[in-house]
Structures are given as structure tokens and as C-alpha cells.
Amino acid sequence: MTSNPKPLVAANRKQTVEKIIKVLSEQGIQVFYLDGEEISNKETFLEKVATAMNFPSYFGANWDAFEECITDLTWYPAEKYVTIYERPDIFVQADPTGWQTALDILRAAEEYWQAKNIPLNVFLLN
């Protein structure tokens, strides 16, 4: 009998991430989830993050607009924010420059929210 542990591992990982999101949400933490399987460039990243974070209709789908929205989040008031980005390695490999810009903005957003005593933590899961 041949066994293939990858699907089981993937299923367990998905279930684990779902449990983490549920537990964090139950604690009043606003959780945003990005499925990196579908993100390979700036355009898809901005599209997926805008959907995950429910950016307003005025979101301009560019880096400046992303930075503006991720440091606003008035439509999602919370005492804590968590972003779980699964498989960022796909974006990293396909568009290293775009990825670096996204990462710089995410880091700046963490610092921005920390200065306001509202944690925003970004977890990258490869």
C-alpha cells in the first residue's frame, strides 16, 4: 500500500489555520487571511488583500493606496489585528521586487499600529 502524506499534511494545515483563525476571532482579534496560492504578482496581491481586508471602493489598487488602507482600517475597528499570509513564497519567487514592496508596507503598517498601541501582526506561513 502506497501512502501519500502530502494531502493529509495539507488538510491538517488547513484545519489548523482555520482553528487558529476561529480562536483569534473569538478573542476579538480581527483576522485577515491571504491564500498565497493565488498570489504571484503585485496585481493579484493587491486584489486579494483588498478582498481579505474589505478595502473601501475608493481603493486605488496601487502601493500607495494599499499603505493608506492598511493604516486606516476604520471599517474594521479592533483592539488587535492579525494577518495570516499563507504561501508568500510564490509571490517572492515570481516577483521579488513586488514582494519586497509589499513586505516593506506590511512592516511599516505593523510599526504604525504598534505606535497606536493596537497590534497588527503579520504571520507568513510557507
N, C-alpha and C. Protein backbone atom coordinates (compact mmCIF):
# COMPACT_ATOMS: atom_id res chain seq x y z
N MET A 1 0.84 -1.17 0.00
CA MET A 1 0.00 0.00 0.00
C MET A 1 0.89 1.24 0.00
N THR A 2 0.62 2.14 -0.92
CA THR A 2 1.40 3.36 -1.02
C THR A 2 0.67 4.49 -0.32
N SER A 3 1.41 5.22 0.48
CA SER A 3 0.77 6.35 1.17
C SER A 3 1.37 7.65 0.66
N ASN A 4 0.55 8.65 0.58
CA ASN A 4 0.99 9.98 0.16
C ASN A 4 0.62 10.96 1.26
N PRO A 5 1.56 11.31 2.14
CA PRO A 5 1.23 12.15 3.29
C PRO A 5 0.94 13.61 2.94
N LYS A 6 1.32 14.07 1.76
CA LYS A 6 1.14 15.49 1.45
C LYS A 6 -0.32 15.95 1.55
N PRO A 7 -1.28 15.26 0.95
CA PRO A 7 -2.65 15.74 1.09
C PRO A 7 -3.11 15.78 2.55
N LEU A 8 -2.72 14.79 3.32
CA LEU A 8 -3.07 14.76 4.73
C LEU A 8 -2.44 15.95 5.45
N VAL A 9 -1.17 16.21 5.16
CA VAL A 9 -0.48 17.34 5.77
C VAL A 9 -1.17 18.63 5.37
N ALA A 10 -1.49 18.77 4.09
CA ALA A 10 -2.17 19.97 3.62
C ALA A 10 -3.53 20.12 4.29
N ALA A 11 -4.26 19.03 4.42
CA ALA A 11 -5.57 19.08 5.08
C ALA A 11 -5.41 19.46 6.54
N ASN A 12 -4.43 18.86 7.20
CA ASN A 12 -4.19 19.19 8.61
C ASN A 12 -3.77 20.65 8.76
N ARG A 13 -2.96 21.12 7.86
CA ARG A 13 -2.52 22.52 7.91
C ARG A 13 -3.71 23.45 7.73
N LYS A 14 -4.55 23.15 6.75
CA LYS A 14 -5.73 23.99 6.51
C LYS A 14 -6.63 24.00 7.74
N GLN A 15 -6.85 22.84 8.32
CA GLN A 15 -7.69 22.75 9.52
C GLN A 15 -7.05 23.52 10.68
N THR A 16 -5.75 23.42 10.81
CA THR A 16 -5.05 24.14 11.87
C THR A 16 -5.18 25.64 11.70
N VAL A 17 -4.98 26.12 10.47
CA VAL A 17 -5.12 27.55 10.21
C VAL A 17 -6.54 28.01 10.49
N GLU A 18 -7.52 27.22 10.07
CA GLU A 18 -8.93 27.56 10.34
C GLU A 18 -9.20 27.63 11.84
N LYS A 19 -8.63 26.71 12.60
CA LYS A 19 -8.81 26.72 14.06
C LYS A 19 -8.16 27.96 14.68
N ILE A 20 -6.98 28.30 14.20
CA ILE A 20 -6.29 29.49 14.71
C ILE A 20 -7.12 30.73 14.44
N ILE A 21 -7.64 30.84 13.23
CA ILE A 21 -8.48 32.00 12.88
C ILE A 21 -9.71 32.04 13.77
N LYS A 22 -10.33 30.90 14.01
CA LYS A 22 -11.53 30.85 14.84
C LYS A 22 -11.22 31.29 16.28
N VAL A 23 -10.15 30.76 16.84
CA VAL A 23 -9.78 31.08 18.22
C VAL A 23 -9.44 32.57 18.35
N LEU A 24 -8.66 33.09 17.41
CA LEU A 24 -8.30 34.50 17.47
C LEU A 24 -9.54 35.38 17.33
N SER A 25 -10.42 35.02 16.41
CA SER A 25 -11.66 35.79 16.20
C SER A 25 -12.53 35.78 17.45
N GLU A 26 -12.59 34.64 18.13
CA GLU A 26 -13.38 34.54 19.36
C GLU A 26 -12.81 35.42 20.47
N GLN A 27 -11.53 35.77 20.37
CA GLN A 27 -10.89 36.65 21.35
C GLN A 27 -11.00 38.12 20.96
N GLY A 28 -11.79 38.41 19.92
CA GLY A 28 -12.00 39.79 19.50
C GLY A 28 -10.90 40.33 18.59
N ILE A 29 -10.06 39.45 18.09
CA ILE A 29 -8.98 39.87 17.20
C ILE A 29 -9.50 39.80 15.77
N GLN A 30 -9.29 40.88 15.02
CA GLN A 30 -9.70 40.90 13.62
C GLN A 30 -8.62 40.17 12.82
N VAL A 31 -9.01 39.07 12.19
CA VAL A 31 -8.07 38.24 11.45
C VAL A 31 -8.32 38.39 9.95
N PHE A 32 -7.23 38.62 9.22
CA PHE A 32 -7.28 38.67 7.76
C PHE A 32 -6.46 37.50 7.24
N TYR A 33 -6.99 36.81 6.24
CA TYR A 33 -6.30 35.63 5.69
C TYR A 33 -6.04 35.83 4.21
N LEU A 34 -4.80 35.59 3.81
CA LEU A 34 -4.43 35.63 2.40
C LEU A 34 -3.93 34.27 1.97
N ASP A 35 -4.54 33.73 0.93
CA ASP A 35 -4.12 32.46 0.35
C ASP A 35 -3.12 32.75 -0.75
N GLY A 36 -1.86 32.57 -0.45
CA GLY A 36 -0.79 32.87 -1.39
C GLY A 36 -0.75 31.99 -2.62
N GLU A 37 -1.50 30.89 -2.62
CA GLU A 37 -1.56 30.02 -3.81
C GLU A 37 -2.03 30.81 -5.02
N GLU A 38 -2.78 31.87 -4.78
CA GLU A 38 -3.36 32.65 -5.87
C GLU A 38 -2.65 33.98 -6.09
N ILE A 39 -1.52 34.20 -5.41
CA ILE A 39 -0.83 35.49 -5.49
C ILE A 39 0.57 35.29 -6.06
N SER A 40 0.80 35.87 -7.23
CA SER A 40 2.12 35.75 -7.84
C SER A 40 2.69 37.08 -8.32
N ASN A 41 1.92 38.17 -8.14
CA ASN A 41 2.41 39.47 -8.59
C ASN A 41 1.68 40.58 -7.82
N LYS A 42 2.09 41.80 -8.09
CA LYS A 42 1.53 42.97 -7.42
C LYS A 42 0.01 43.02 -7.60
N GLU A 43 -0.45 42.83 -8.82
CA GLU A 43 -1.88 42.96 -9.11
C GLU A 43 -2.71 41.96 -8.31
N THR A 44 -2.31 40.69 -8.31
CA THR A 44 -3.11 39.70 -7.58
C THR A 44 -2.97 39.91 -6.07
N PHE A 45 -1.79 40.34 -5.61
CA PHE A 45 -1.63 40.62 -4.19
C PHE A 45 -2.60 41.71 -3.76
N LEU A 46 -2.60 42.82 -4.50
CA LEU A 46 -3.47 43.95 -4.13
C LEU A 46 -4.94 43.56 -4.22
N GLU A 47 -5.29 42.78 -5.21
CA GLU A 47 -6.68 42.32 -5.35
C GLU A 47 -7.09 41.45 -4.16
N LYS A 48 -6.25 40.50 -3.81
CA LYS A 48 -6.57 39.57 -2.71
C LYS A 48 -6.56 40.26 -1.35
N VAL A 49 -5.61 41.16 -1.13
CA VAL A 49 -5.57 41.86 0.16
C VAL A 49 -6.76 42.81 0.28
N ALA A 50 -7.15 43.44 -0.82
CA ALA A 50 -8.32 44.33 -0.79
C ALA A 50 -9.58 43.55 -0.45
N THR A 51 -9.69 42.34 -0.97
CA THR A 51 -10.85 41.50 -0.66
C THR A 51 -10.79 41.02 0.78
N ALA A 52 -9.63 40.52 1.20
CA ALA A 52 -9.50 39.98 2.56
C ALA A 52 -9.75 41.05 3.62
N MET A 53 -9.31 42.26 3.36
CA MET A 53 -9.44 43.34 4.33
C MET A 53 -10.62 44.25 4.03
N ASN A 54 -11.40 43.86 3.03
CA ASN A 54 -12.62 44.59 2.67
C ASN A 54 -12.35 46.09 2.49
N PHE A 55 -11.30 46.38 1.70
CA PHE A 55 -10.96 47.78 1.46
C PHE A 55 -12.14 48.52 0.83
N PRO A 56 -12.26 49.80 1.12
CA PRO A 56 -13.36 50.60 0.56
C PRO A 56 -13.29 50.68 -0.97
N SER A 57 -14.39 51.06 -1.56
CA SER A 57 -14.48 51.11 -3.02
C SER A 57 -13.48 52.10 -3.63
N TYR A 58 -13.02 53.08 -2.85
CA TYR A 58 -12.07 54.06 -3.39
C TYR A 58 -10.64 53.52 -3.46
N PHE A 59 -10.41 52.27 -2.99
CA PHE A 59 -9.06 51.69 -3.03
C PHE A 59 -8.54 51.72 -4.47
N GLY A 60 -7.39 52.33 -4.65
CA GLY A 60 -6.84 52.55 -5.99
C GLY A 60 -6.00 51.43 -6.57
N ALA A 61 -5.88 50.31 -5.89
CA ALA A 61 -5.13 49.15 -6.39
C ALA A 61 -3.70 49.51 -6.79
N ASN A 62 -3.04 50.28 -5.92
CA ASN A 62 -1.62 50.58 -6.10
C ASN A 62 -0.97 50.56 -4.71
N TRP A 63 0.35 50.65 -4.69
CA TRP A 63 1.06 50.53 -3.42
C TRP A 63 0.70 51.64 -2.45
N ASP A 64 0.57 52.86 -2.93
CA ASP A 64 0.22 53.98 -2.03
C ASP A 64 -1.15 53.76 -1.41
N ALA A 65 -2.10 53.30 -2.22
CA ALA A 65 -3.46 53.04 -1.72
C ALA A 65 -3.45 51.90 -0.71
N PHE A 66 -2.64 50.88 -0.96
CA PHE A 66 -2.51 49.77 -0.02
C PHE A 66 -2.00 50.27 1.32
N GLU A 67 -0.96 51.07 1.28
CA GLU A 67 -0.40 51.61 2.52
C GLU A 67 -1.42 52.48 3.25
N GLU A 68 -2.15 53.28 2.51
CA GLU A 68 -3.17 54.14 3.11
C GLU A 68 -4.26 53.31 3.78
N CYS A 69 -4.74 52.29 3.09
CA CYS A 69 -5.84 51.48 3.64
C CYS A 69 -5.41 50.62 4.81
N ILE A 70 -4.22 50.04 4.75
CA ILE A 70 -3.80 49.14 5.84
C ILE A 70 -3.47 49.93 7.11
N THR A 71 -3.27 51.23 6.97
CA THR A 71 -3.05 52.05 8.16
C THR A 71 -4.30 52.87 8.51
N ASP A 72 -5.41 52.49 7.95
CA ASP A 72 -6.69 53.13 8.28
C ASP A 72 -7.57 52.10 9.00
N LEU A 73 -8.13 51.18 8.27
CA LEU A 73 -8.95 50.08 8.80
C LEU A 73 -10.12 50.56 9.68
N THR A 74 -10.61 51.78 9.47
CA THR A 74 -11.74 52.27 10.25
C THR A 74 -13.00 51.44 10.02
N TRP A 75 -13.06 50.74 8.92
CA TRP A 75 -14.21 49.87 8.63
C TRP A 75 -14.11 48.55 9.38
N TYR A 76 -12.98 48.28 10.02
CA TYR A 76 -12.77 47.10 10.86
C TYR A 76 -12.17 47.52 12.19
N PRO A 77 -12.90 48.27 13.01
CA PRO A 77 -12.32 48.67 14.29
C PRO A 77 -12.04 47.45 15.17
N ALA A 78 -10.85 47.40 15.72
CA ALA A 78 -10.47 46.27 16.57
C ALA A 78 -9.35 46.71 17.51
N GLU A 79 -9.20 45.95 18.58
CA GLU A 79 -8.10 46.22 19.51
C GLU A 79 -6.82 45.55 19.05
N LYS A 80 -6.97 44.54 18.19
CA LYS A 80 -5.81 43.82 17.66
C LYS A 80 -6.16 43.32 16.26
N TYR A 81 -5.13 43.29 15.42
CA TYR A 81 -5.27 42.76 14.06
C TYR A 81 -4.21 41.69 13.83
N VAL A 82 -4.59 40.67 13.10
CA VAL A 82 -3.65 39.64 12.69
C VAL A 82 -3.89 39.36 11.21
N THR A 83 -2.81 39.33 10.46
CA THR A 83 -2.86 38.93 9.06
C THR A 83 -2.08 37.64 8.92
N ILE A 84 -2.74 36.63 8.40
CA ILE A 84 -2.09 35.35 8.12
C ILE A 84 -1.97 35.24 6.61
N TYR A 85 -0.74 35.20 6.15
CA TYR A 85 -0.46 35.12 4.71
C TYR A 85 0.21 33.78 4.46
N GLU A 86 -0.55 32.89 3.88
CA GLU A 86 -0.06 31.53 3.62
C GLU A 86 0.55 31.46 2.23
N ARG A 87 1.72 30.87 2.15
CA ARG A 87 2.47 30.65 0.91
C ARG A 87 2.95 31.93 0.23
N PRO A 88 3.55 32.87 0.97
CA PRO A 88 4.10 34.06 0.32
C PRO A 88 5.28 33.73 -0.59
N ASP A 89 5.83 32.53 -0.43
CA ASP A 89 6.97 32.13 -1.25
C ASP A 89 6.65 32.16 -2.75
N ILE A 90 5.39 31.98 -3.11
CA ILE A 90 5.00 32.02 -4.53
C ILE A 90 5.22 33.43 -5.07
N PHE A 91 4.77 34.44 -4.33
CA PHE A 91 4.97 35.84 -4.71
C PHE A 91 6.46 36.18 -4.71
N VAL A 92 7.16 35.73 -3.67
CA VAL A 92 8.60 36.00 -3.55
C VAL A 92 9.33 35.53 -4.80
N GLN A 93 9.04 34.32 -5.24
CA GLN A 93 9.76 33.74 -6.38
C GLN A 93 9.32 34.36 -7.71
N ALA A 94 8.04 34.66 -7.85
CA ALA A 94 7.53 35.16 -9.12
C ALA A 94 7.81 36.64 -9.35
N ASP A 95 7.85 37.42 -8.26
CA ASP A 95 8.00 38.87 -8.39
C ASP A 95 8.72 39.42 -7.16
N PRO A 96 10.04 39.17 -7.08
CA PRO A 96 10.78 39.59 -5.88
C PRO A 96 10.69 41.08 -5.57
N THR A 97 10.67 41.92 -6.58
CA THR A 97 10.58 43.36 -6.36
C THR A 97 9.22 43.73 -5.79
N GLY A 98 8.17 43.20 -6.38
CA GLY A 98 6.82 43.44 -5.87
C GLY A 98 6.67 42.93 -4.45
N TRP A 99 7.21 41.74 -4.21
CA TRP A 99 7.14 41.16 -2.86
C TRP A 99 7.83 42.07 -1.86
N GLN A 100 9.01 42.57 -2.21
CA GLN A 100 9.75 43.42 -1.27
C GLN A 100 8.96 44.68 -0.93
N THR A 101 8.29 45.24 -1.91
CA THR A 101 7.47 46.43 -1.66
C THR A 101 6.31 46.07 -0.72
N ALA A 102 5.63 44.97 -1.00
CA ALA A 102 4.52 44.52 -0.14
C ALA A 102 5.02 44.29 1.29
N LEU A 103 6.15 43.63 1.43
CA LEU A 103 6.72 43.34 2.75
C LEU A 103 7.09 44.63 3.48
N ASP A 104 7.67 45.57 2.78
CA ASP A 104 8.03 46.86 3.39
C ASP A 104 6.78 47.57 3.92
N ILE A 105 5.70 47.53 3.15
CA ILE A 105 4.46 48.19 3.57
C ILE A 105 3.85 47.45 4.76
N LEU A 106 3.87 46.13 4.73
CA LEU A 106 3.35 45.35 5.86
C LEU A 106 4.14 45.65 7.14
N ARG A 107 5.45 45.72 7.02
CA ARG A 107 6.29 46.03 8.20
C ARG A 107 6.00 47.44 8.71
N ALA A 108 5.87 48.40 7.79
CA ALA A 108 5.57 49.77 8.18
C ALA A 108 4.20 49.84 8.86
N ALA A 109 3.25 49.06 8.38
CA ALA A 109 1.91 49.03 8.99
C ALA A 109 1.98 48.46 10.40
N GLU A 110 2.79 47.42 10.60
CA GLU A 110 2.97 46.87 11.95
C GLU A 110 3.49 47.96 12.89
N GLU A 111 4.48 48.72 12.43
CA GLU A 111 5.05 49.79 13.25
C GLU A 111 4.02 50.90 13.50
N TYR A 112 3.26 51.25 12.48
CA TYR A 112 2.23 52.28 12.60
C TYR A 112 1.23 51.92 13.69
N TRP A 113 0.70 50.70 13.61
CA TRP A 113 -0.31 50.27 14.57
C TRP A 113 0.29 50.09 15.96
N GLN A 114 1.52 49.63 16.04
CA GLN A 114 2.18 49.49 17.33
C GLN A 114 2.29 50.85 18.02
N ALA A 115 2.60 51.89 17.28
CA ALA A 115 2.69 53.24 17.85
C ALA A 115 1.35 53.72 18.38
N LYS A 116 0.26 53.15 17.87
CA LYS A 116 -1.09 53.49 18.34
C LYS A 116 -1.57 52.53 19.43
N ASN A 117 -0.67 51.64 19.88
CA ASN A 117 -0.99 50.62 20.88
C ASN A 117 -2.10 49.68 20.43
N ILE A 118 -2.17 49.47 19.13
CA ILE A 118 -3.10 48.49 18.54
C ILE A 118 -2.25 47.54 17.71
N PRO A 119 -1.97 46.36 18.23
CA PRO A 119 -1.10 45.45 17.49
C PRO A 119 -1.69 45.02 16.14
N LEU A 120 -0.85 45.03 15.14
CA LEU A 120 -1.15 44.39 13.87
C LEU A 120 0.03 43.47 13.62
N ASN A 121 -0.23 42.19 13.68
CA ASN A 121 0.83 41.20 13.46
C ASN A 121 0.59 40.49 12.15
N VAL A 122 1.67 40.33 11.39
CA VAL A 122 1.61 39.64 10.11
C VAL A 122 2.40 38.34 10.26
N PHE A 123 1.73 37.23 9.98
CA PHE A 123 2.37 35.92 10.03
C PHE A 123 2.47 35.36 8.63
N LEU A 124 3.69 35.01 8.25
CA LEU A 124 3.95 34.43 6.94
C LEU A 124 4.17 32.94 7.10
N LEU A 125 3.33 32.15 6.45
CA LEU A 125 3.40 30.69 6.56
C LEU A 125 3.79 30.08 5.23
N ASN A 126 5.02 29.56 5.16
CA ASN A 126 5.45 28.88 3.94
C ASN A 126 5.17 27.41 4.01
